[in-house]
């Protein structure tokens, strides 16, 4: 069976969106797969949403961008609206429900093209409620921020999300993700070994959260 995953992660600056994507791509390389990570900061300097596109496959990747993701993740209210155009009937949509309060899906918002024609942006309306994507395969709420604050440390909430993505995408192994984390954070772990345990616990809690959600669904 072919391995392939198209992943979109979006959030605010400082939430570790690009770090998650970088580690996922590193894990793909760790397994000898093709991996491509494209950061998209858009107008981040003006307070825009930070978006990362990741593709991992066991064959050549034809294009750096894609229309619909297999797994799409939103880590803020604005990020939900930003990534809806990448959600389809086969998408698993993950959001942090300890940060985002959503309402049921409504008819799709008007969409306009940004300067980059490969992207689409929802037309923002003042006081617009956060609405789940209308056409989606699965929706999984992961209270990553609450988990991190209660059981770990607030700074590793993005690693909880990383674990959730790993379990939802099922394209790289837990071992490869851990090796990728070691490659990125090994120097910090050497100085403070407790950080390794903290990050690996966060990773496993994200994996378990998605497993439990899929059992309930």
N, C-alpha and C. Protein backbone atom coordinates (compact mmCIF):
# COMPACT_ATOMS: atom_id res chain seq x y z
N UNK A 1 0.84 -1.19 0.00
CA UNK A 1 0.00 0.00 0.00
C UNK A 1 0.88 1.25 0.00
N UNK A 2 0.55 2.20 -0.86
CA UNK A 2 1.33 3.42 -0.96
C UNK A 2 1.18 4.27 0.30
N UNK A 3 2.30 4.89 0.65
CA UNK A 3 2.27 5.86 1.75
C UNK A 3 2.22 7.25 1.16
N UNK A 4 1.25 8.03 1.57
CA UNK A 4 1.21 9.42 1.15
C UNK A 4 0.38 10.21 2.14
N UNK A 5 0.82 11.41 2.44
CA UNK A 5 0.05 12.28 3.33
C UNK A 5 0.30 13.72 2.93
N UNK A 6 -0.78 14.47 2.79
CA UNK A 6 -0.72 15.90 2.56
C UNK A 6 -1.29 16.57 3.81
N UNK A 7 -0.47 17.40 4.43
CA UNK A 7 -0.80 17.96 5.74
C UNK A 7 -0.70 19.48 5.71
N UNK A 8 -1.71 20.14 6.28
CA UNK A 8 -1.69 21.60 6.42
C UNK A 8 -1.82 21.92 7.91
N UNK A 9 -0.95 22.78 8.40
CA UNK A 9 -1.00 23.21 9.80
C UNK A 9 -1.01 24.73 9.83
N UNK A 10 -1.92 25.30 10.60
CA UNK A 10 -2.03 26.77 10.64
C UNK A 10 -2.27 27.24 12.06
N UNK A 11 -1.71 28.40 12.38
CA UNK A 11 -1.89 28.98 13.70
C UNK A 11 -1.28 30.37 13.75
N UNK A 12 -1.18 30.89 14.94
CA UNK A 12 -0.61 32.21 15.13
C UNK A 12 0.90 32.10 15.32
N UNK A 13 1.61 33.20 15.09
CA UNK A 13 3.04 33.22 15.33
C UNK A 13 3.35 32.87 16.78
N UNK A 14 4.35 32.03 16.98
CA UNK A 14 4.73 31.62 18.33
C UNK A 14 4.10 30.33 18.79
N UNK A 15 3.18 29.76 17.99
CA UNK A 15 2.54 28.50 18.38
C UNK A 15 3.32 27.27 17.91
N UNK A 16 4.40 27.49 17.20
CA UNK A 16 5.23 26.36 16.79
C UNK A 16 4.75 25.64 15.56
N UNK A 17 3.96 26.31 14.73
CA UNK A 17 3.44 25.68 13.50
C UNK A 17 4.58 25.18 12.61
N UNK A 18 5.56 26.06 12.37
CA UNK A 18 6.64 25.69 11.46
C UNK A 18 7.54 24.61 12.07
N UNK A 19 7.68 24.60 13.38
CA UNK A 19 8.48 23.56 14.04
C UNK A 19 7.84 22.19 13.87
N UNK A 20 6.52 22.13 14.03
CA UNK A 20 5.80 20.87 13.83
C UNK A 20 6.03 20.35 12.42
N UNK A 21 5.86 21.23 11.44
CA UNK A 21 6.00 20.83 10.04
C UNK A 21 7.43 20.36 9.74
N UNK A 22 8.40 21.07 10.28
CA UNK A 22 9.80 20.72 10.05
C UNK A 22 10.11 19.34 10.61
N UNK A 23 9.62 19.04 11.80
CA UNK A 23 9.85 17.73 12.41
C UNK A 23 9.16 16.62 11.63
N UNK A 24 7.95 16.88 11.14
CA UNK A 24 7.26 15.88 10.32
C UNK A 24 8.05 15.54 9.06
N UNK A 25 8.56 16.58 8.39
CA UNK A 25 9.35 16.35 7.19
C UNK A 25 10.64 15.60 7.52
N UNK A 26 11.26 15.94 8.64
CA UNK A 26 12.47 15.25 9.08
C UNK A 26 12.18 13.78 9.34
N UNK A 27 11.03 13.47 9.93
CA UNK A 27 10.65 12.08 10.19
C UNK A 27 10.44 11.32 8.88
N UNK A 28 9.86 11.98 7.89
CA UNK A 28 9.70 11.34 6.58
C UNK A 28 11.05 10.99 5.98
N UNK A 29 11.99 11.92 6.04
CA UNK A 29 13.34 11.65 5.55
C UNK A 29 14.00 10.51 6.34
N UNK A 30 13.73 10.47 7.63
CA UNK A 30 14.28 9.43 8.50
C UNK A 30 13.87 8.04 8.01
N UNK A 31 12.67 7.94 7.44
CA UNK A 31 12.17 6.65 6.95
C UNK A 31 12.49 6.40 5.48
N UNK A 32 13.26 7.30 4.88
CA UNK A 32 13.62 7.12 3.48
C UNK A 32 12.51 7.50 2.52
N UNK A 33 11.53 8.27 2.99
CA UNK A 33 10.42 8.71 2.15
C UNK A 33 10.74 10.08 1.55
N UNK A 34 9.99 10.42 0.51
CA UNK A 34 10.06 11.78 -0.02
C UNK A 34 9.31 12.69 0.96
N UNK A 35 9.90 13.83 1.28
CA UNK A 35 9.26 14.75 2.21
C UNK A 35 9.50 16.18 1.76
N UNK A 36 8.44 16.96 1.77
CA UNK A 36 8.54 18.35 1.33
C UNK A 36 7.78 19.23 2.30
N UNK A 37 8.45 20.26 2.79
CA UNK A 37 7.84 21.19 3.75
C UNK A 37 7.96 22.59 3.19
N UNK A 38 6.81 23.26 3.03
CA UNK A 38 6.77 24.62 2.51
C UNK A 38 6.15 25.55 3.55
N UNK A 39 6.94 26.45 4.14
CA UNK A 39 6.34 27.43 5.06
C UNK A 39 5.64 28.53 4.28
N UNK A 40 4.57 29.03 4.84
CA UNK A 40 3.84 30.14 4.21
C UNK A 40 3.46 31.12 5.31
N UNK A 41 4.17 32.21 5.36
CA UNK A 41 3.92 33.21 6.39
C UNK A 41 2.94 34.28 5.92
N UNK A 42 2.68 34.33 4.59
CA UNK A 42 1.73 35.30 4.06
C UNK A 42 2.07 36.69 4.53
N UNK A 43 1.12 37.34 5.18
CA UNK A 43 1.36 38.69 5.72
C UNK A 43 1.57 38.61 7.23
N UNK A 44 2.32 37.59 7.64
CA UNK A 44 2.57 37.36 9.07
C UNK A 44 3.15 38.60 9.75
N UNK A 45 3.99 39.35 8.99
CA UNK A 45 4.57 40.54 9.58
C UNK A 45 3.50 41.53 9.99
N UNK A 46 2.34 41.45 9.37
CA UNK A 46 1.23 42.35 9.70
C UNK A 46 0.20 41.65 10.59
N UNK A 47 0.58 40.51 11.12
CA UNK A 47 -0.33 39.80 12.01
C UNK A 47 -1.14 38.73 11.34
N UNK A 48 -0.66 38.22 10.20
CA UNK A 48 -1.37 37.17 9.49
C UNK A 48 -1.18 35.81 10.14
N UNK A 49 -1.86 34.81 9.59
CA UNK A 49 -1.79 33.44 10.10
C UNK A 49 -0.59 32.73 9.48
N UNK A 50 0.15 32.00 10.30
CA UNK A 50 1.28 31.21 9.83
C UNK A 50 0.78 29.84 9.38
N UNK A 51 1.14 29.45 8.16
CA UNK A 51 0.67 28.20 7.58
C UNK A 51 1.87 27.37 7.10
N UNK A 52 1.80 26.06 7.28
CA UNK A 52 2.83 25.16 6.79
C UNK A 52 2.19 24.04 5.98
N UNK A 53 2.78 23.75 4.83
CA UNK A 53 2.33 22.65 3.98
C UNK A 53 3.38 21.55 4.02
N UNK A 54 2.96 20.33 4.33
CA UNK A 54 3.87 19.19 4.39
C UNK A 54 3.33 18.08 3.50
N UNK A 55 4.22 17.49 2.71
CA UNK A 55 3.86 16.29 1.96
C UNK A 55 4.90 15.22 2.25
N UNK A 56 4.43 14.02 2.52
CA UNK A 56 5.30 12.86 2.75
C UNK A 56 4.76 11.72 1.90
N UNK A 57 5.63 11.10 1.11
CA UNK A 57 5.17 10.05 0.20
C UNK A 57 6.31 9.09 -0.10
N UNK A 58 5.95 7.90 -0.58
CA UNK A 58 6.97 6.94 -0.97
C UNK A 58 7.26 6.99 -2.47
N UNK A 59 6.75 8.04 -3.13
CA UNK A 59 7.09 8.27 -4.53
C UNK A 59 7.38 9.76 -4.71
N UNK A 60 7.76 10.15 -5.90
CA UNK A 60 8.11 11.54 -6.14
C UNK A 60 6.92 12.46 -5.91
N UNK A 61 7.18 13.60 -5.31
CA UNK A 61 6.13 14.60 -5.04
C UNK A 61 6.11 15.58 -6.20
N UNK A 62 4.98 15.66 -6.88
CA UNK A 62 4.91 16.42 -8.11
C UNK A 62 4.82 17.92 -7.95
N UNK A 63 4.18 18.38 -6.88
CA UNK A 63 3.97 19.82 -6.71
C UNK A 63 4.13 20.20 -5.24
N UNK A 64 4.73 21.36 -4.97
CA UNK A 64 4.93 21.76 -3.57
C UNK A 64 3.63 22.15 -2.86
N UNK A 65 2.61 22.56 -3.59
CA UNK A 65 1.34 22.94 -3.00
C UNK A 65 0.25 21.96 -3.45
N UNK A 66 -0.86 21.97 -2.75
CA UNK A 66 -1.97 21.09 -3.08
C UNK A 66 -3.27 21.75 -2.65
N UNK A 67 -4.35 21.27 -3.20
CA UNK A 67 -5.65 21.90 -2.91
C UNK A 67 -6.25 21.38 -1.62
N UNK A 68 -6.36 20.06 -1.48
CA UNK A 68 -6.99 19.46 -0.31
C UNK A 68 -5.98 18.65 0.49
N UNK A 69 -6.06 18.74 1.81
CA UNK A 69 -5.15 18.01 2.67
C UNK A 69 -5.79 16.74 3.21
N UNK A 70 -4.95 15.76 3.50
CA UNK A 70 -5.43 14.55 4.19
C UNK A 70 -5.65 14.86 5.68
N UNK A 71 -4.76 15.67 6.23
CA UNK A 71 -4.90 16.13 7.62
C UNK A 71 -4.72 17.65 7.60
N UNK A 72 -5.68 18.37 8.18
CA UNK A 72 -5.61 19.82 8.26
C UNK A 72 -5.78 20.21 9.72
N UNK A 73 -4.88 21.06 10.21
CA UNK A 73 -4.85 21.41 11.63
C UNK A 73 -4.99 22.92 11.80
N UNK A 74 -5.82 23.33 12.75
CA UNK A 74 -6.00 24.75 13.06
C UNK A 74 -5.76 24.96 14.55
N UNK A 75 -4.93 25.96 14.86
CA UNK A 75 -4.56 26.22 16.26
C UNK A 75 -5.03 27.58 16.75
N UNK A 76 -5.88 28.24 15.99
CA UNK A 76 -6.46 29.51 16.43
C UNK A 76 -7.75 29.75 15.67
N UNK A 77 -8.54 30.70 16.18
CA UNK A 77 -9.80 31.03 15.51
C UNK A 77 -9.56 31.40 14.06
N UNK A 78 -8.61 32.30 13.83
CA UNK A 78 -8.35 32.75 12.46
C UNK A 78 -7.82 31.63 11.58
N UNK A 79 -7.09 30.71 12.20
CA UNK A 79 -6.54 29.60 11.42
C UNK A 79 -7.63 28.69 10.88
N UNK A 80 -8.72 28.52 11.64
CA UNK A 80 -9.84 27.70 11.15
C UNK A 80 -10.34 28.24 9.83
N UNK A 81 -10.61 29.55 9.78
CA UNK A 81 -11.11 30.15 8.56
C UNK A 81 -10.07 30.15 7.44
N UNK A 82 -8.80 30.26 7.83
CA UNK A 82 -7.73 30.32 6.83
C UNK A 82 -7.57 29.02 6.06
N UNK A 83 -7.80 27.87 6.72
CA UNK A 83 -7.50 26.58 6.08
C UNK A 83 -8.72 25.84 5.56
N UNK A 84 -9.90 26.43 5.69
CA UNK A 84 -11.10 25.72 5.23
C UNK A 84 -11.04 25.33 3.76
N UNK A 85 -10.37 26.14 2.96
CA UNK A 85 -10.31 25.84 1.53
C UNK A 85 -9.49 24.59 1.25
N UNK A 86 -8.72 24.10 2.24
CA UNK A 86 -7.90 22.90 2.06
C UNK A 86 -8.58 21.66 2.66
N UNK A 87 -9.81 21.80 3.13
CA UNK A 87 -10.55 20.70 3.74
C UNK A 87 -11.52 20.11 2.73
N UNK A 88 -11.53 18.77 2.62
CA UNK A 88 -12.43 18.09 1.70
C UNK A 88 -13.08 16.88 2.36
N UNK A 89 -13.80 16.12 1.59
CA UNK A 89 -14.56 14.98 2.12
C UNK A 89 -13.67 13.87 2.68
N UNK A 90 -12.39 13.85 2.30
CA UNK A 90 -11.47 12.83 2.80
C UNK A 90 -10.48 13.39 3.82
N UNK A 91 -10.75 14.59 4.30
CA UNK A 91 -9.84 15.26 5.23
C UNK A 91 -10.18 14.95 6.69
N UNK A 92 -9.15 14.73 7.49
CA UNK A 92 -9.30 14.72 8.94
C UNK A 92 -8.92 16.11 9.44
N UNK A 93 -9.87 16.80 10.04
CA UNK A 93 -9.66 18.16 10.51
C UNK A 93 -9.46 18.13 12.03
N UNK A 94 -8.32 18.65 12.48
CA UNK A 94 -7.97 18.67 13.89
C UNK A 94 -7.90 20.11 14.38
N UNK A 95 -8.50 20.38 15.52
CA UNK A 95 -8.37 21.71 16.10
C UNK A 95 -8.22 21.60 17.62
N UNK A 96 -7.61 22.61 18.21
CA UNK A 96 -7.40 22.65 19.65
C UNK A 96 -8.63 23.27 20.30
N UNK A 97 -9.49 22.43 20.86
CA UNK A 97 -10.74 22.95 21.41
C UNK A 97 -10.59 23.57 22.79
N UNK A 98 -9.35 23.62 23.31
CA UNK A 98 -9.12 24.42 24.51
C UNK A 98 -8.74 25.86 24.15
N UNK A 99 -8.54 26.11 22.85
CA UNK A 99 -8.28 27.47 22.36
C UNK A 99 -9.40 27.99 21.48
N UNK A 100 -10.11 27.09 20.82
CA UNK A 100 -11.07 27.47 19.79
C UNK A 100 -12.46 26.97 20.16
N UNK A 101 -13.41 27.88 20.16
CA UNK A 101 -14.81 27.51 20.36
C UNK A 101 -15.51 27.62 19.02
N UNK A 102 -16.04 26.51 18.54
CA UNK A 102 -16.62 26.50 17.20
C UNK A 102 -18.13 26.26 17.26
N UNK A 103 -18.79 26.61 16.16
CA UNK A 103 -20.21 26.31 16.01
C UNK A 103 -20.35 25.31 14.87
N UNK A 104 -21.56 24.81 14.68
CA UNK A 104 -21.79 23.84 13.62
C UNK A 104 -21.57 24.47 12.26
N UNK A 105 -21.29 23.61 11.27
CA UNK A 105 -21.00 24.08 9.92
C UNK A 105 -22.18 24.82 9.33
N UNK A 106 -21.86 25.91 8.66
CA UNK A 106 -22.83 26.70 7.93
C UNK A 106 -22.45 26.68 6.46
N UNK A 107 -23.28 27.22 5.58
CA UNK A 107 -22.88 27.30 4.17
C UNK A 107 -21.52 27.97 4.03
N UNK A 108 -20.72 27.45 3.09
CA UNK A 108 -19.35 27.91 2.91
C UNK A 108 -19.28 29.40 2.65
N UNK A 109 -18.30 30.08 3.29
CA UNK A 109 -18.13 31.51 3.11
C UNK A 109 -17.71 31.83 1.68
N UNK A 110 -17.88 33.09 1.31
CA UNK A 110 -17.36 33.54 0.03
C UNK A 110 -15.85 33.43 0.06
N UNK A 111 -15.27 32.98 -1.06
CA UNK A 111 -13.84 32.79 -1.13
C UNK A 111 -13.26 33.71 -2.19
N UNK A 112 -12.16 34.34 -1.86
CA UNK A 112 -11.49 35.17 -2.84
C UNK A 112 -10.05 34.71 -2.97
N UNK A 113 -9.44 34.91 -4.12
CA UNK A 113 -8.07 34.51 -4.34
C UNK A 113 -7.11 35.55 -3.75
N UNK A 114 -6.04 35.07 -3.15
CA UNK A 114 -5.01 35.99 -2.70
C UNK A 114 -4.10 36.30 -3.87
N UNK A 115 -3.03 37.06 -3.61
CA UNK A 115 -2.11 37.38 -4.69
C UNK A 115 -1.48 36.12 -5.25
N UNK A 116 -1.27 35.13 -4.42
CA UNK A 116 -0.80 33.83 -4.88
C UNK A 116 -2.03 33.01 -5.26
N UNK A 117 -2.21 32.71 -6.53
CA UNK A 117 -3.43 32.07 -7.01
C UNK A 117 -3.60 30.64 -6.50
N UNK A 118 -2.53 30.09 -5.91
CA UNK A 118 -2.64 28.73 -5.40
C UNK A 118 -3.33 28.70 -4.04
N UNK A 119 -3.55 29.86 -3.43
CA UNK A 119 -4.16 29.92 -2.11
C UNK A 119 -5.55 30.52 -2.19
N UNK A 120 -6.36 30.21 -1.21
CA UNK A 120 -7.65 30.87 -1.12
C UNK A 120 -7.83 31.41 0.29
N UNK A 121 -8.50 32.51 0.39
CA UNK A 121 -8.68 33.18 1.66
C UNK A 121 -10.15 33.47 1.88
N UNK A 122 -10.70 33.13 3.06
CA UNK A 122 -12.08 33.49 3.33
C UNK A 122 -12.23 35.00 3.50
N UNK A 123 -13.33 35.52 3.05
CA UNK A 123 -13.61 36.93 3.26
C UNK A 123 -13.97 37.12 4.73
N UNK A 124 -13.14 37.87 5.47
CA UNK A 124 -13.38 38.04 6.90
C UNK A 124 -14.49 39.05 7.16
N UNK A 125 -15.35 38.70 8.09
CA UNK A 125 -16.43 39.59 8.49
C UNK A 125 -16.28 39.91 9.96
N UNK A 126 -16.61 41.13 10.33
CA UNK A 126 -16.47 41.54 11.72
C UNK A 126 -17.34 40.67 12.62
N UNK A 127 -16.75 40.24 13.75
CA UNK A 127 -17.46 39.40 14.74
C UNK A 127 -17.97 38.11 14.12
N UNK A 128 -17.28 37.62 13.10
CA UNK A 128 -17.68 36.37 12.46
C UNK A 128 -17.43 35.19 13.40
N UNK A 129 -18.40 34.31 13.64
CA UNK A 129 -18.18 33.16 14.51
C UNK A 129 -17.22 32.15 13.86
N UNK A 130 -16.58 31.35 14.68
CA UNK A 130 -15.71 30.31 14.16
C UNK A 130 -16.57 29.10 13.82
N UNK A 131 -16.61 28.76 12.54
CA UNK A 131 -17.49 27.70 12.07
C UNK A 131 -16.65 26.57 11.52
N UNK A 132 -17.00 25.33 11.89
CA UNK A 132 -16.29 24.17 11.36
C UNK A 132 -16.47 24.06 9.86
N UNK A 133 -15.51 23.44 9.17
CA UNK A 133 -15.68 23.22 7.73
C UNK A 133 -16.96 22.45 7.45
N UNK A 134 -17.61 22.81 6.35
CA UNK A 134 -18.90 22.21 6.03
C UNK A 134 -18.74 20.79 5.48
N UNK A 135 -17.79 20.59 4.57
CA UNK A 135 -17.58 19.29 3.94
C UNK A 135 -16.25 18.73 4.43
N UNK A 136 -16.30 17.69 5.26
CA UNK A 136 -15.10 17.17 5.89
C UNK A 136 -15.29 15.69 6.20
N UNK A 137 -14.19 14.94 6.18
CA UNK A 137 -14.27 13.52 6.50
C UNK A 137 -14.47 13.28 7.98
N UNK A 138 -13.52 13.72 8.79
CA UNK A 138 -13.59 13.57 10.25
C UNK A 138 -13.19 14.88 10.90
N UNK A 139 -13.79 15.17 12.04
CA UNK A 139 -13.39 16.31 12.86
C UNK A 139 -12.94 15.78 14.21
N UNK A 140 -11.73 16.13 14.62
CA UNK A 140 -11.19 15.66 15.90
C UNK A 140 -10.76 16.86 16.73
N UNK A 141 -11.37 17.01 17.89
CA UNK A 141 -11.01 18.08 18.83
C UNK A 141 -9.96 17.54 19.80
N UNK A 142 -8.81 18.19 19.85
CA UNK A 142 -7.73 17.79 20.75
C UNK A 142 -7.42 18.97 21.67
N UNK A 143 -7.71 18.87 22.96
CA UNK A 143 -7.45 19.99 23.88
C UNK A 143 -5.98 20.09 24.26
N UNK A 144 -5.14 20.32 23.25
CA UNK A 144 -3.69 20.27 23.45
C UNK A 144 -3.19 21.25 24.49
N UNK A 145 -3.69 22.48 24.45
CA UNK A 145 -3.24 23.49 25.40
C UNK A 145 -3.61 23.10 26.82
N UNK A 146 -4.83 22.61 27.01
CA UNK A 146 -5.28 22.19 28.34
C UNK A 146 -4.47 21.00 28.85
N UNK A 147 -4.19 20.04 27.96
CA UNK A 147 -3.39 18.87 28.34
C UNK A 147 -2.00 19.31 28.79
N UNK A 148 -1.38 20.19 27.99
CA UNK A 148 -0.03 20.64 28.31
C UNK A 148 0.01 21.40 29.64
N UNK A 149 -0.95 22.27 29.86
CA UNK A 149 -0.97 23.06 31.09
C UNK A 149 -1.21 22.18 32.31
N UNK A 150 -2.08 21.20 32.18
CA UNK A 150 -2.45 20.39 33.32
C UNK A 150 -1.40 19.34 33.67
N UNK A 151 -0.89 18.64 32.65
CA UNK A 151 -0.06 17.47 32.90
C UNK A 151 1.41 17.62 32.52
N UNK A 152 1.75 18.66 31.76
CA UNK A 152 3.11 18.76 31.25
C UNK A 152 3.68 20.16 31.50
N UNK A 153 3.76 20.94 30.43
CA UNK A 153 4.21 22.33 30.49
C UNK A 153 3.59 23.05 29.30
N UNK A 154 3.11 24.28 29.49
CA UNK A 154 2.43 24.98 28.38
C UNK A 154 3.24 25.04 27.09
N UNK A 155 4.57 25.06 27.19
CA UNK A 155 5.40 25.23 25.99
C UNK A 155 5.41 24.00 25.08
N UNK A 156 4.97 22.85 25.57
CA UNK A 156 4.99 21.65 24.73
C UNK A 156 3.61 21.33 24.14
N UNK A 157 2.69 22.29 24.17
CA UNK A 157 1.37 22.03 23.60
C UNK A 157 1.47 21.68 22.12
N UNK A 158 2.44 22.29 21.41
CA UNK A 158 2.58 21.99 19.98
C UNK A 158 3.08 20.57 19.73
N UNK A 159 3.78 19.99 20.69
CA UNK A 159 4.23 18.60 20.56
C UNK A 159 3.04 17.66 20.76
N UNK A 160 2.09 18.06 21.60
CA UNK A 160 0.83 17.30 21.71
C UNK A 160 0.13 17.29 20.35
N UNK A 161 0.09 18.44 19.70
CA UNK A 161 -0.50 18.53 18.36
C UNK A 161 0.28 17.69 17.37
N UNK A 162 1.60 17.70 17.47
CA UNK A 162 2.43 16.87 16.60
C UNK A 162 2.03 15.40 16.73
N UNK A 163 1.86 14.93 17.95
CA UNK A 163 1.43 13.55 18.16
C UNK A 163 0.08 13.26 17.53
N UNK A 164 -0.82 14.23 17.64
CA UNK A 164 -2.15 14.07 17.04
C UNK A 164 -2.05 13.93 15.52
N UNK A 165 -1.18 14.73 14.91
CA UNK A 165 -1.00 14.66 13.45
C UNK A 165 -0.39 13.32 13.05
N UNK A 166 0.59 12.87 13.80
CA UNK A 166 1.24 11.58 13.51
C UNK A 166 0.21 10.46 13.50
N UNK A 167 -0.66 10.44 14.50
CA UNK A 167 -1.67 9.37 14.58
C UNK A 167 -2.72 9.52 13.50
N UNK A 168 -3.12 10.73 13.18
CA UNK A 168 -4.15 10.95 12.17
C UNK A 168 -3.64 10.64 10.76
N UNK A 169 -2.39 11.00 10.48
CA UNK A 169 -1.83 10.81 9.13
C UNK A 169 -1.35 9.38 8.90
N UNK A 170 -0.79 8.76 9.93
CA UNK A 170 -0.32 7.37 9.85
C UNK A 170 0.63 7.16 8.69
N UNK A 171 1.54 8.10 8.49
CA UNK A 171 2.48 7.99 7.38
C UNK A 171 3.92 7.80 7.86
N UNK A 172 4.20 8.19 9.10
CA UNK A 172 5.53 7.95 9.68
C UNK A 172 5.35 7.29 11.04
N UNK A 173 6.35 6.58 11.48
CA UNK A 173 6.28 5.84 12.73
C UNK A 173 6.59 6.73 13.93
N UNK A 174 6.15 6.27 15.10
CA UNK A 174 6.47 6.98 16.34
C UNK A 174 7.99 7.08 16.52
N UNK A 175 8.70 6.01 16.17
CA UNK A 175 10.15 5.98 16.31
C UNK A 175 10.81 7.06 15.45
N UNK A 176 10.34 7.20 14.21
CA UNK A 176 10.92 8.20 13.32
C UNK A 176 10.67 9.62 13.83
N UNK A 177 9.48 9.84 14.37
CA UNK A 177 9.17 11.16 14.93
C UNK A 177 10.08 11.46 16.13
N UNK A 178 10.29 10.47 16.97
CA UNK A 178 11.17 10.68 18.12
C UNK A 178 12.60 10.97 17.68
N UNK A 179 13.05 10.26 16.64
CA UNK A 179 14.39 10.52 16.12
C UNK A 179 14.48 11.93 15.54
N UNK A 180 13.41 12.36 14.88
CA UNK A 180 13.39 13.71 14.31
C UNK A 180 13.42 14.77 15.41
N UNK A 181 12.69 14.51 16.49
CA UNK A 181 12.70 15.44 17.63
C UNK A 181 14.11 15.49 18.22
N UNK A 182 14.75 14.33 18.33
CA UNK A 182 16.13 14.29 18.84
C UNK A 182 17.06 15.11 17.95
N UNK A 183 16.89 14.98 16.63
CA UNK A 183 17.75 15.72 15.71
C UNK A 183 17.58 17.22 15.85
N UNK A 184 16.35 17.66 16.12
CA UNK A 184 16.07 19.09 16.22
C UNK A 184 16.39 19.66 17.60
N UNK A 185 16.16 18.86 18.63
CA UNK A 185 16.24 19.38 20.00
C UNK A 185 17.30 18.69 20.85
N UNK A 186 18.12 17.85 20.24
CA UNK A 186 19.07 17.04 21.00
C UNK A 186 20.00 17.83 21.89
N UNK A 187 20.47 19.00 21.42
CA UNK A 187 21.39 19.81 22.23
C UNK A 187 20.71 20.31 23.50
N UNK A 188 19.43 20.68 23.37
CA UNK A 188 18.68 21.11 24.56
C UNK A 188 18.47 19.93 25.51
N UNK A 189 18.22 18.75 24.93
CA UNK A 189 18.00 17.56 25.75
C UNK A 189 19.28 17.20 26.52
N UNK A 190 20.44 17.37 25.87
CA UNK A 190 21.71 17.05 26.54
C UNK A 190 21.92 17.94 27.75
N UNK A 191 21.51 19.20 27.63
CA UNK A 191 21.66 20.14 28.75
C UNK A 191 20.64 19.88 29.85
N UNK A 192 19.45 19.43 29.44
CA UNK A 192 18.37 19.18 30.40
C UNK A 192 17.61 17.92 29.98
N UNK A 193 18.08 16.74 30.41
CA UNK A 193 17.46 15.46 30.00
C UNK A 193 15.97 15.37 30.30
N UNK A 194 15.48 16.14 31.27
CA UNK A 194 14.06 16.08 31.59
C UNK A 194 13.20 16.59 30.43
N UNK A 195 13.79 17.46 29.59
CA UNK A 195 13.06 17.97 28.44
C UNK A 195 12.72 16.86 27.46
N UNK A 196 13.61 15.88 27.33
CA UNK A 196 13.36 14.75 26.43
C UNK A 196 12.10 14.00 26.88
N UNK A 197 12.06 13.67 28.15
CA UNK A 197 10.91 12.94 28.69
C UNK A 197 9.64 13.77 28.54
N UNK A 198 9.74 15.07 28.78
CA UNK A 198 8.58 15.96 28.68
C UNK A 198 8.04 15.98 27.25
N UNK A 199 8.91 16.12 26.27
CA UNK A 199 8.49 16.16 24.88
C UNK A 199 7.92 14.83 24.42
N UNK A 200 8.54 13.74 24.83
CA UNK A 200 8.05 12.43 24.42
C UNK A 200 6.70 12.10 25.08
N UNK A 201 6.52 12.58 26.31
CA UNK A 201 5.21 12.41 26.96
C UNK A 201 4.14 13.21 26.21
N UNK A 202 4.49 14.43 25.81
CA UNK A 202 3.55 15.26 25.06
C UNK A 202 3.19 14.61 23.74
N UNK A 203 4.18 14.06 23.06
CA UNK A 203 3.95 13.36 21.79
C UNK A 203 2.96 12.22 21.98
N UNK A 204 3.20 11.39 23.01
CA UNK A 204 2.34 10.24 23.24
C UNK A 204 0.93 10.66 23.63
N UNK A 205 0.79 11.74 24.37
CA UNK A 205 -0.54 12.20 24.77
C UNK A 205 -1.34 12.68 23.55
N UNK A 206 -0.65 13.28 22.59
CA UNK A 206 -1.33 13.67 21.35
C UNK A 206 -1.77 12.46 20.55
N UNK A 207 -0.90 11.46 20.47
CA UNK A 207 -1.25 10.21 19.77
C UNK A 207 -2.45 9.56 20.44
N UNK A 208 -2.42 9.46 21.76
CA UNK A 208 -3.51 8.81 22.51
C UNK A 208 -4.83 9.58 22.36
N UNK A 209 -4.74 10.92 22.32
CA UNK A 209 -5.96 11.73 22.20
C UNK A 209 -6.69 11.43 20.90
N UNK A 210 -5.94 11.26 19.82
CA UNK A 210 -6.57 10.95 18.53
C UNK A 210 -7.08 9.52 18.52
N UNK A 211 -6.33 8.59 19.08
CA UNK A 211 -6.80 7.20 19.16
C UNK A 211 -8.13 7.12 19.90
N UNK A 212 -8.23 7.82 21.02
CA UNK A 212 -9.47 7.81 21.81
C UNK A 212 -10.62 8.46 21.04
N UNK A 213 -10.31 9.53 20.34
CA UNK A 213 -11.36 10.23 19.57
C UNK A 213 -11.89 9.33 18.45
N UNK A 214 -10.99 8.59 17.80
CA UNK A 214 -11.42 7.71 16.71
C UNK A 214 -12.23 6.52 17.23
N UNK A 215 -11.90 6.06 18.42
CA UNK A 215 -12.69 4.96 19.02
C UNK A 215 -14.11 5.44 19.33
N UNK A 216 -14.23 6.69 19.80
CA UNK A 216 -15.55 7.23 20.14
C UNK A 216 -16.40 7.54 18.91
N UNK A 217 -15.74 7.81 17.79
CA UNK A 217 -16.48 8.23 16.60
C UNK A 217 -17.13 7.06 15.87
